[in-house]
N, C-alpha and C. Protein backbone atom coordinates (compact mmCIF):
# COMPACT_ATOMS: atom_id res chain seq x y z
N MET A 1 103.58 87.46 114.57
CA MET A 1 102.94 88.41 113.67
C MET A 1 102.21 87.64 112.57
N GLU A 2 101.01 88.07 112.34
CA GLU A 2 100.24 87.48 111.24
C GLU A 2 100.13 88.49 110.11
N ALA A 3 100.11 87.98 108.91
CA ALA A 3 100.01 88.81 107.71
C ALA A 3 98.62 88.61 107.10
N PRO A 4 97.65 89.45 107.47
CA PRO A 4 96.28 89.25 106.99
C PRO A 4 96.13 89.43 105.48
N TRP A 5 97.11 90.03 104.83
CA TRP A 5 97.08 90.24 103.38
C TRP A 5 97.51 88.99 102.61
N LEU A 6 98.13 88.04 103.28
CA LEU A 6 98.65 86.87 102.58
C LEU A 6 97.54 86.02 101.94
N PRO A 7 96.41 85.76 102.61
CA PRO A 7 95.33 85.04 101.93
C PRO A 7 94.81 85.78 100.70
N VAL A 8 94.80 87.11 100.76
CA VAL A 8 94.39 87.91 99.60
C VAL A 8 95.34 87.63 98.43
N ALA A 9 96.64 87.63 98.72
CA ALA A 9 97.64 87.38 97.68
C ALA A 9 97.51 85.96 97.12
N PHE A 10 97.35 84.97 98.01
CA PHE A 10 97.21 83.59 97.54
C PHE A 10 95.98 83.40 96.66
N ALA A 11 94.92 84.14 96.93
CA ALA A 11 93.70 84.03 96.12
C ALA A 11 93.92 84.50 94.68
N GLU A 12 94.99 85.26 94.45
CA GLU A 12 95.29 85.79 93.11
C GLU A 12 96.23 84.89 92.31
N VAL A 13 96.72 83.80 92.91
CA VAL A 13 97.66 82.91 92.22
C VAL A 13 97.05 82.47 90.89
N GLY A 14 97.86 82.58 89.85
CA GLY A 14 97.42 82.21 88.51
C GLY A 14 97.06 83.39 87.63
N VAL A 15 96.83 84.57 88.22
CA VAL A 15 96.58 85.76 87.40
C VAL A 15 97.85 85.98 86.57
N ALA A 16 97.68 86.12 85.27
CA ALA A 16 98.84 86.20 84.38
C ALA A 16 98.65 87.26 83.31
N GLN A 17 99.79 87.71 82.78
CA GLN A 17 99.77 88.64 81.66
C GLN A 17 99.13 87.98 80.45
N PHE A 18 98.43 88.78 79.65
CA PHE A 18 97.86 88.30 78.41
C PHE A 18 98.90 88.46 77.30
N PRO A 19 98.71 87.77 76.17
CA PRO A 19 99.65 87.91 75.04
C PRO A 19 99.66 89.35 74.50
N GLU A 20 100.72 89.68 73.76
CA GLU A 20 100.84 91.02 73.14
C GLU A 20 99.55 91.37 72.43
N GLY A 21 99.15 92.63 72.55
CA GLY A 21 97.94 93.11 71.91
C GLY A 21 96.72 93.06 72.80
N ASN A 22 96.85 92.38 73.95
CA ASN A 22 95.77 92.29 74.93
C ASN A 22 96.34 92.61 76.30
N SER A 23 95.46 92.91 77.25
CA SER A 23 95.90 93.20 78.60
C SER A 23 94.93 92.61 79.61
N ASN A 24 95.46 91.98 80.63
CA ASN A 24 94.63 91.39 81.67
C ASN A 24 94.05 92.51 82.53
N PRO A 25 92.71 92.64 82.56
CA PRO A 25 92.11 93.72 83.35
C PRO A 25 92.40 93.62 84.84
N ARG A 26 92.65 92.43 85.36
CA ARG A 26 92.96 92.29 86.77
C ARG A 26 94.30 92.95 87.09
N ILE A 27 95.29 92.78 86.22
CA ILE A 27 96.59 93.42 86.44
C ILE A 27 96.45 94.93 86.30
N MET A 28 95.62 95.37 85.38
CA MET A 28 95.36 96.81 85.26
C MET A 28 94.71 97.34 86.54
N GLU A 29 93.90 96.50 87.20
CA GLU A 29 93.30 96.89 88.48
C GLU A 29 94.39 97.04 89.55
N TYR A 30 95.40 96.18 89.54
CA TYR A 30 96.50 96.31 90.49
C TYR A 30 97.17 97.69 90.32
N HIS A 31 97.33 98.12 89.08
CA HIS A 31 97.96 99.42 88.80
C HIS A 31 97.14 100.60 89.33
N GLU A 32 95.85 100.41 89.53
CA GLU A 32 94.98 101.50 89.99
C GLU A 32 95.42 102.08 91.33
N TYR A 33 96.20 101.33 92.09
CA TYR A 33 96.63 101.78 93.41
C TYR A 33 98.06 102.32 93.41
N THR A 34 98.55 102.64 92.20
CA THR A 34 99.92 103.15 92.07
C THR A 34 99.94 104.37 91.15
N ASN A 35 101.14 104.87 90.95
CA ASN A 35 101.35 106.02 90.07
C ASN A 35 101.33 105.65 88.59
N ILE A 36 101.01 104.40 88.25
CA ILE A 36 100.90 104.03 86.83
C ILE A 36 99.47 103.56 86.50
N ARG A 37 98.51 104.17 87.18
CA ARG A 37 97.09 103.91 86.89
C ARG A 37 96.85 104.03 85.38
N GLY A 38 96.12 103.06 84.84
CA GLY A 38 95.80 103.09 83.42
C GLY A 38 96.78 102.33 82.53
N TYR A 39 97.92 101.93 83.07
CA TYR A 39 98.89 101.16 82.27
C TYR A 39 98.37 99.74 82.05
N ASP A 40 98.87 99.10 80.99
CA ASP A 40 98.46 97.74 80.70
C ASP A 40 99.31 96.73 81.48
N ASP A 41 99.11 95.45 81.20
CA ASP A 41 99.81 94.42 81.95
C ASP A 41 101.25 94.19 81.48
N LYS A 42 101.71 94.99 80.54
CA LYS A 42 103.10 94.86 80.06
C LYS A 42 104.07 95.70 80.91
N ALA A 43 103.53 96.65 81.68
CA ALA A 43 104.35 97.44 82.61
C ALA A 43 104.69 96.55 83.82
N SER A 44 105.86 96.75 84.38
CA SER A 44 106.24 95.98 85.57
C SER A 44 105.16 96.14 86.64
N TRP A 45 104.75 95.02 87.24
CA TRP A 45 103.60 95.09 88.13
C TRP A 45 103.79 94.41 89.48
N CYS A 46 105.01 94.08 89.87
CA CYS A 46 105.21 93.45 91.18
C CYS A 46 104.80 94.38 92.31
N SER A 47 105.19 95.65 92.25
CA SER A 47 104.83 96.60 93.29
C SER A 47 103.34 96.94 93.25
N SER A 48 102.78 97.00 92.07
CA SER A 48 101.34 97.24 91.95
C SER A 48 100.56 96.13 92.65
N PHE A 49 101.02 94.90 92.49
CA PHE A 49 100.36 93.76 93.13
C PHE A 49 100.43 93.87 94.65
N VAL A 50 101.60 94.18 95.19
CA VAL A 50 101.75 94.31 96.64
C VAL A 50 100.86 95.44 97.16
N ASN A 51 100.88 96.59 96.49
CA ASN A 51 100.00 97.71 96.88
C ASN A 51 98.54 97.26 96.90
N TRP A 52 98.09 96.59 95.84
CA TRP A 52 96.71 96.15 95.73
C TRP A 52 96.34 95.21 96.88
N CYS A 53 97.20 94.24 97.18
CA CYS A 53 96.91 93.30 98.27
C CYS A 53 96.74 94.01 99.60
N LEU A 54 97.61 94.95 99.88
CA LEU A 54 97.52 95.68 101.16
C LEU A 54 96.25 96.52 101.23
N VAL A 55 95.93 97.20 100.13
CA VAL A 55 94.73 98.05 100.11
C VAL A 55 93.48 97.21 100.39
N GLN A 56 93.46 95.96 99.97
CA GLN A 56 92.31 95.09 100.24
C GLN A 56 92.10 94.89 101.73
N MET A 57 93.16 95.10 102.52
CA MET A 57 93.09 94.96 103.98
C MET A 57 93.10 96.33 104.67
N ASN A 58 92.85 97.39 103.91
CA ASN A 58 92.85 98.77 104.42
C ASN A 58 94.20 99.19 104.99
N ILE A 59 95.25 98.74 104.34
CA ILE A 59 96.61 99.12 104.71
C ILE A 59 97.19 99.93 103.57
N ALA A 60 97.68 101.11 103.86
CA ALA A 60 98.27 101.95 102.83
C ALA A 60 99.63 101.40 102.41
N GLY A 61 99.81 101.28 101.11
CA GLY A 61 101.11 100.87 100.57
C GLY A 61 101.93 102.10 100.23
N THR A 62 102.80 101.97 99.25
CA THR A 62 103.63 103.09 98.84
C THR A 62 102.96 103.95 97.79
N GLY A 63 101.99 103.40 97.06
CA GLY A 63 101.37 104.13 95.95
C GLY A 63 102.28 104.23 94.75
N SER A 64 103.40 103.54 94.78
CA SER A 64 104.37 103.59 93.69
C SER A 64 104.50 102.24 93.01
N ALA A 65 104.76 102.26 91.71
CA ALA A 65 105.01 101.04 90.97
C ALA A 65 106.48 100.62 91.04
N LEU A 66 107.31 101.43 91.67
CA LEU A 66 108.73 101.07 91.81
C LEU A 66 108.91 100.12 92.99
N ALA A 67 109.53 98.99 92.74
CA ALA A 67 109.76 98.00 93.80
C ALA A 67 110.56 98.58 94.96
N ARG A 68 111.55 99.39 94.65
CA ARG A 68 112.40 99.93 95.71
C ARG A 68 111.72 101.01 96.56
N SER A 69 110.53 101.43 96.15
CA SER A 69 109.78 102.38 97.00
C SER A 69 109.47 101.76 98.35
N TRP A 70 109.44 100.45 98.42
CA TRP A 70 109.13 99.74 99.66
C TRP A 70 110.27 99.82 100.66
N LEU A 71 111.44 100.25 100.24
CA LEU A 71 112.56 100.39 101.17
C LEU A 71 112.31 101.50 102.19
N GLU A 72 111.41 102.44 101.87
CA GLU A 72 111.10 103.55 102.76
C GLU A 72 109.76 103.38 103.46
N TRP A 73 109.12 102.25 103.26
CA TRP A 73 107.78 101.99 103.78
C TRP A 73 107.85 101.13 105.04
N GLY A 74 106.96 101.39 105.97
CA GLY A 74 106.82 100.52 107.12
C GLY A 74 108.03 100.47 108.03
N HIS A 75 108.21 99.34 108.62
CA HIS A 75 109.24 99.11 109.64
C HIS A 75 110.18 98.02 109.14
N PRO A 76 111.50 98.25 109.18
CA PRO A 76 112.42 97.18 108.76
C PRO A 76 112.45 96.04 109.79
N LEU A 77 112.57 94.84 109.30
CA LEU A 77 112.68 93.67 110.17
C LEU A 77 114.11 93.12 110.10
N GLU A 78 114.65 92.74 111.23
CA GLU A 78 115.99 92.13 111.23
C GLU A 78 115.94 90.73 110.63
N GLN A 79 114.87 90.02 110.91
CA GLN A 79 114.66 88.67 110.37
C GLN A 79 113.30 88.62 109.69
N PRO A 80 113.21 87.90 108.58
CA PRO A 80 111.92 87.83 107.89
C PRO A 80 110.90 87.01 108.67
N VAL A 81 109.63 87.37 108.50
CA VAL A 81 108.52 86.59 109.00
C VAL A 81 107.58 86.31 107.83
N THR A 82 106.86 85.23 107.89
CA THR A 82 105.96 84.86 106.81
C THR A 82 105.00 86.00 106.49
N GLY A 83 104.98 86.37 105.23
CA GLY A 83 104.09 87.43 104.77
C GLY A 83 104.69 88.81 104.75
N CYS A 84 105.88 88.98 105.35
CA CYS A 84 106.49 90.31 105.30
C CYS A 84 106.85 90.65 103.86
N ILE A 85 107.09 91.91 103.62
CA ILE A 85 107.43 92.36 102.28
C ILE A 85 108.94 92.30 102.11
N ALA A 86 109.36 91.57 101.10
CA ALA A 86 110.78 91.45 100.79
C ALA A 86 111.09 92.33 99.59
N VAL A 87 112.12 93.17 99.73
CA VAL A 87 112.54 94.06 98.66
C VAL A 87 113.89 93.56 98.17
N LEU A 88 113.98 93.32 96.87
CA LEU A 88 115.19 92.78 96.27
C LEU A 88 115.74 93.73 95.21
N TYR A 89 117.02 93.60 94.95
CA TYR A 89 117.59 94.34 93.82
C TYR A 89 117.61 93.45 92.59
N ARG A 90 117.63 94.10 91.44
CA ARG A 90 117.82 93.41 90.16
C ARG A 90 119.07 93.98 89.52
N GLU A 91 119.86 93.13 88.94
CA GLU A 91 121.07 93.47 88.19
C GLU A 91 122.20 93.97 89.06
N ASP A 92 121.96 95.01 89.86
CA ASP A 92 123.03 95.61 90.66
C ASP A 92 122.43 96.20 91.93
N PRO A 93 123.07 96.01 93.09
CA PRO A 93 122.50 96.54 94.33
C PRO A 93 122.29 98.05 94.34
N SER A 94 123.07 98.80 93.56
CA SER A 94 122.92 100.26 93.55
C SER A 94 122.01 100.75 92.43
N SER A 95 121.47 99.84 91.64
CA SER A 95 120.56 100.19 90.55
C SER A 95 119.22 100.64 91.11
N TRP A 96 118.41 101.31 90.30
CA TRP A 96 117.05 101.67 90.69
C TRP A 96 116.11 100.48 90.53
N LYS A 97 116.57 99.45 89.82
CA LYS A 97 115.72 98.30 89.50
C LYS A 97 115.60 97.36 90.69
N GLY A 98 114.41 96.79 90.84
CA GLY A 98 114.20 95.88 91.94
C GLY A 98 113.02 94.96 91.72
N HIS A 99 112.70 94.25 92.78
CA HIS A 99 111.54 93.35 92.78
C HIS A 99 111.00 93.34 94.21
N VAL A 100 109.71 93.12 94.36
CA VAL A 100 109.09 93.07 95.67
C VAL A 100 108.03 91.98 95.69
N GLY A 101 107.94 91.31 96.82
CA GLY A 101 106.94 90.26 96.99
C GLY A 101 106.80 89.91 98.46
N PHE A 102 105.93 88.96 98.74
CA PHE A 102 105.67 88.53 100.11
C PHE A 102 106.52 87.32 100.45
N PHE A 103 107.29 87.43 101.52
CA PHE A 103 108.18 86.37 101.96
C PHE A 103 107.38 85.15 102.42
N LEU A 104 107.79 83.97 101.93
CA LEU A 104 107.17 82.73 102.37
C LEU A 104 108.12 81.90 103.23
N ARG A 105 109.35 81.74 102.75
CA ARG A 105 110.35 80.95 103.47
C ARG A 105 111.69 81.14 102.80
N CYS A 106 112.73 80.54 103.39
CA CYS A 106 114.05 80.59 102.76
C CYS A 106 114.80 79.30 103.09
N ASP A 107 115.83 79.05 102.31
CA ASP A 107 116.76 77.98 102.61
C ASP A 107 118.16 78.58 102.56
N ASP A 108 119.19 77.77 102.44
CA ASP A 108 120.56 78.30 102.46
C ASP A 108 120.86 79.24 101.30
N GLN A 109 120.23 79.02 100.15
CA GLN A 109 120.54 79.81 98.96
C GLN A 109 119.47 80.80 98.53
N TYR A 110 118.19 80.46 98.78
CA TYR A 110 117.11 81.22 98.16
C TYR A 110 116.07 81.72 99.16
N VAL A 111 115.42 82.82 98.77
CA VAL A 111 114.19 83.24 99.43
C VAL A 111 113.06 82.89 98.47
N TYR A 112 111.95 82.47 99.03
CA TYR A 112 110.78 82.09 98.25
C TYR A 112 109.71 83.12 98.52
N LEU A 113 109.25 83.75 97.44
CA LEU A 113 108.28 84.83 97.54
C LEU A 113 106.99 84.48 96.81
N LEU A 114 105.89 85.00 97.31
CA LEU A 114 104.64 85.02 96.58
C LEU A 114 104.51 86.43 96.07
N GLY A 115 104.35 86.58 94.76
CA GLY A 115 104.28 87.92 94.23
C GLY A 115 103.71 87.98 92.83
N GLY A 116 103.51 89.20 92.39
CA GLY A 116 103.05 89.46 91.04
C GLY A 116 104.23 89.67 90.12
N ASN A 117 104.01 89.40 88.84
CA ASN A 117 105.04 89.54 87.81
C ASN A 117 106.24 88.64 88.10
N GLN A 118 105.96 87.47 88.62
CA GLN A 118 106.99 86.45 88.82
C GLN A 118 106.76 85.43 87.71
N LEU A 119 107.64 85.47 86.71
CA LEU A 119 107.46 84.70 85.48
C LEU A 119 106.13 85.06 84.83
N SER A 120 105.81 86.36 84.85
CA SER A 120 104.64 86.96 84.21
C SER A 120 103.30 86.57 84.83
N GLN A 121 103.33 86.14 86.07
CA GLN A 121 102.07 85.81 86.74
C GLN A 121 102.19 85.96 88.26
N VAL A 122 101.05 85.84 88.94
CA VAL A 122 101.07 85.77 90.40
C VAL A 122 101.37 84.32 90.74
N ARG A 123 102.48 84.13 91.45
CA ARG A 123 102.91 82.77 91.78
C ARG A 123 104.01 82.82 92.81
N GLU A 124 104.39 81.67 93.29
CA GLU A 124 105.56 81.55 94.14
C GLU A 124 106.78 81.40 93.23
N HIS A 125 107.87 82.04 93.63
CA HIS A 125 109.13 81.90 92.89
C HIS A 125 110.28 82.13 93.87
N PHE A 126 111.46 81.70 93.48
CA PHE A 126 112.62 81.82 94.36
C PHE A 126 113.66 82.77 93.78
N TYR A 127 114.43 83.40 94.67
CA TYR A 127 115.45 84.38 94.29
C TYR A 127 116.67 84.16 95.20
N PRO A 128 117.87 84.46 94.70
CA PRO A 128 119.07 84.34 95.54
C PRO A 128 118.95 85.23 96.79
N LYS A 129 119.30 84.67 97.95
CA LYS A 129 119.19 85.41 99.21
C LYS A 129 119.98 86.71 99.20
N GLU A 130 121.11 86.71 98.50
CA GLU A 130 121.95 87.91 98.51
C GLU A 130 121.29 89.10 97.80
N GLN A 131 120.21 88.88 97.07
CA GLN A 131 119.52 89.98 96.40
C GLN A 131 118.56 90.73 97.32
N VAL A 132 118.31 90.22 98.52
CA VAL A 132 117.39 90.87 99.45
C VAL A 132 118.04 92.14 100.01
N LEU A 133 117.34 93.24 99.86
CA LEU A 133 117.78 94.52 100.41
C LEU A 133 117.15 94.78 101.78
N SER A 134 115.90 94.36 101.95
CA SER A 134 115.20 94.63 103.21
C SER A 134 113.95 93.77 103.31
N TYR A 135 113.55 93.51 104.56
CA TYR A 135 112.26 92.92 104.87
C TYR A 135 111.48 94.01 105.60
N ARG A 136 110.20 94.22 105.24
CA ARG A 136 109.42 95.33 105.77
C ARG A 136 108.09 94.82 106.34
N TRP A 137 107.56 95.62 107.31
CA TRP A 137 106.28 95.32 107.95
C TRP A 137 105.58 96.65 108.22
N PRO A 138 104.24 96.69 108.14
CA PRO A 138 103.54 97.95 108.42
C PRO A 138 103.75 98.42 109.85
N VAL A 139 103.67 99.73 110.05
CA VAL A 139 103.72 100.30 111.40
C VAL A 139 102.46 101.10 111.65
N THR A 140 102.08 101.18 112.92
CA THR A 140 100.94 101.99 113.32
C THR A 140 101.34 103.46 113.22
N PRO A 141 100.51 104.31 112.62
CA PRO A 141 100.84 105.74 112.56
C PRO A 141 101.08 106.32 113.96
N GLY A 142 102.12 107.13 114.08
CA GLY A 142 102.41 107.82 115.32
C GLY A 142 103.14 106.99 116.36
N SER A 143 103.55 105.77 115.97
CA SER A 143 104.29 104.94 116.93
C SER A 143 105.26 104.04 116.19
N ASN A 144 106.02 103.29 116.93
CA ASN A 144 106.92 102.30 116.35
C ASN A 144 106.35 100.89 116.48
N GLN A 145 105.08 100.80 116.85
CA GLN A 145 104.47 99.50 117.05
C GLN A 145 104.13 98.88 115.70
N VAL A 146 104.49 97.61 115.56
CA VAL A 146 104.12 96.86 114.36
C VAL A 146 102.62 96.63 114.41
N ALA A 147 101.97 96.83 113.26
CA ALA A 147 100.52 96.70 113.24
C ALA A 147 100.06 95.95 112.02
N GLY A 148 98.83 95.53 112.04
CA GLY A 148 98.24 94.82 110.91
C GLY A 148 97.49 95.73 109.96
N SER A 149 97.09 96.91 110.40
CA SER A 149 96.36 97.79 109.49
C SER A 149 96.45 99.23 109.94
N ILE A 150 96.07 100.11 109.03
CA ILE A 150 96.09 101.53 109.33
C ILE A 150 94.65 102.01 109.45
């Protein structure tokens, strides 16, 4: 499986939040594809970034700024593949709080994701493997076939 949205995401590496009192218009553009359209770059934006990347490839995302909205999207994967969407919990597995990004690789302890709002920017970062709730991939409408676009 190839993830055609991954080059789109890599092209955004370095996009970062602006200091208090200012807002990065690019991050505000990410929000345009979610339910927090018009918010500044101080609102959590990991899910907005994933939605934006997929839309660039004509793939519908969740339309939500909540990271855990991705738990109901697409097709679950038993094993991660490069570029799949990784959904993680924050603080507590039963909390509403989460994080989402594109899976790059893993080792014994960590998953490495490319995502937005990772240390306040688009970048690669690592997270404990036990925080992963699900790996997701788009599905073709009307079937169970894994697909690259809708």
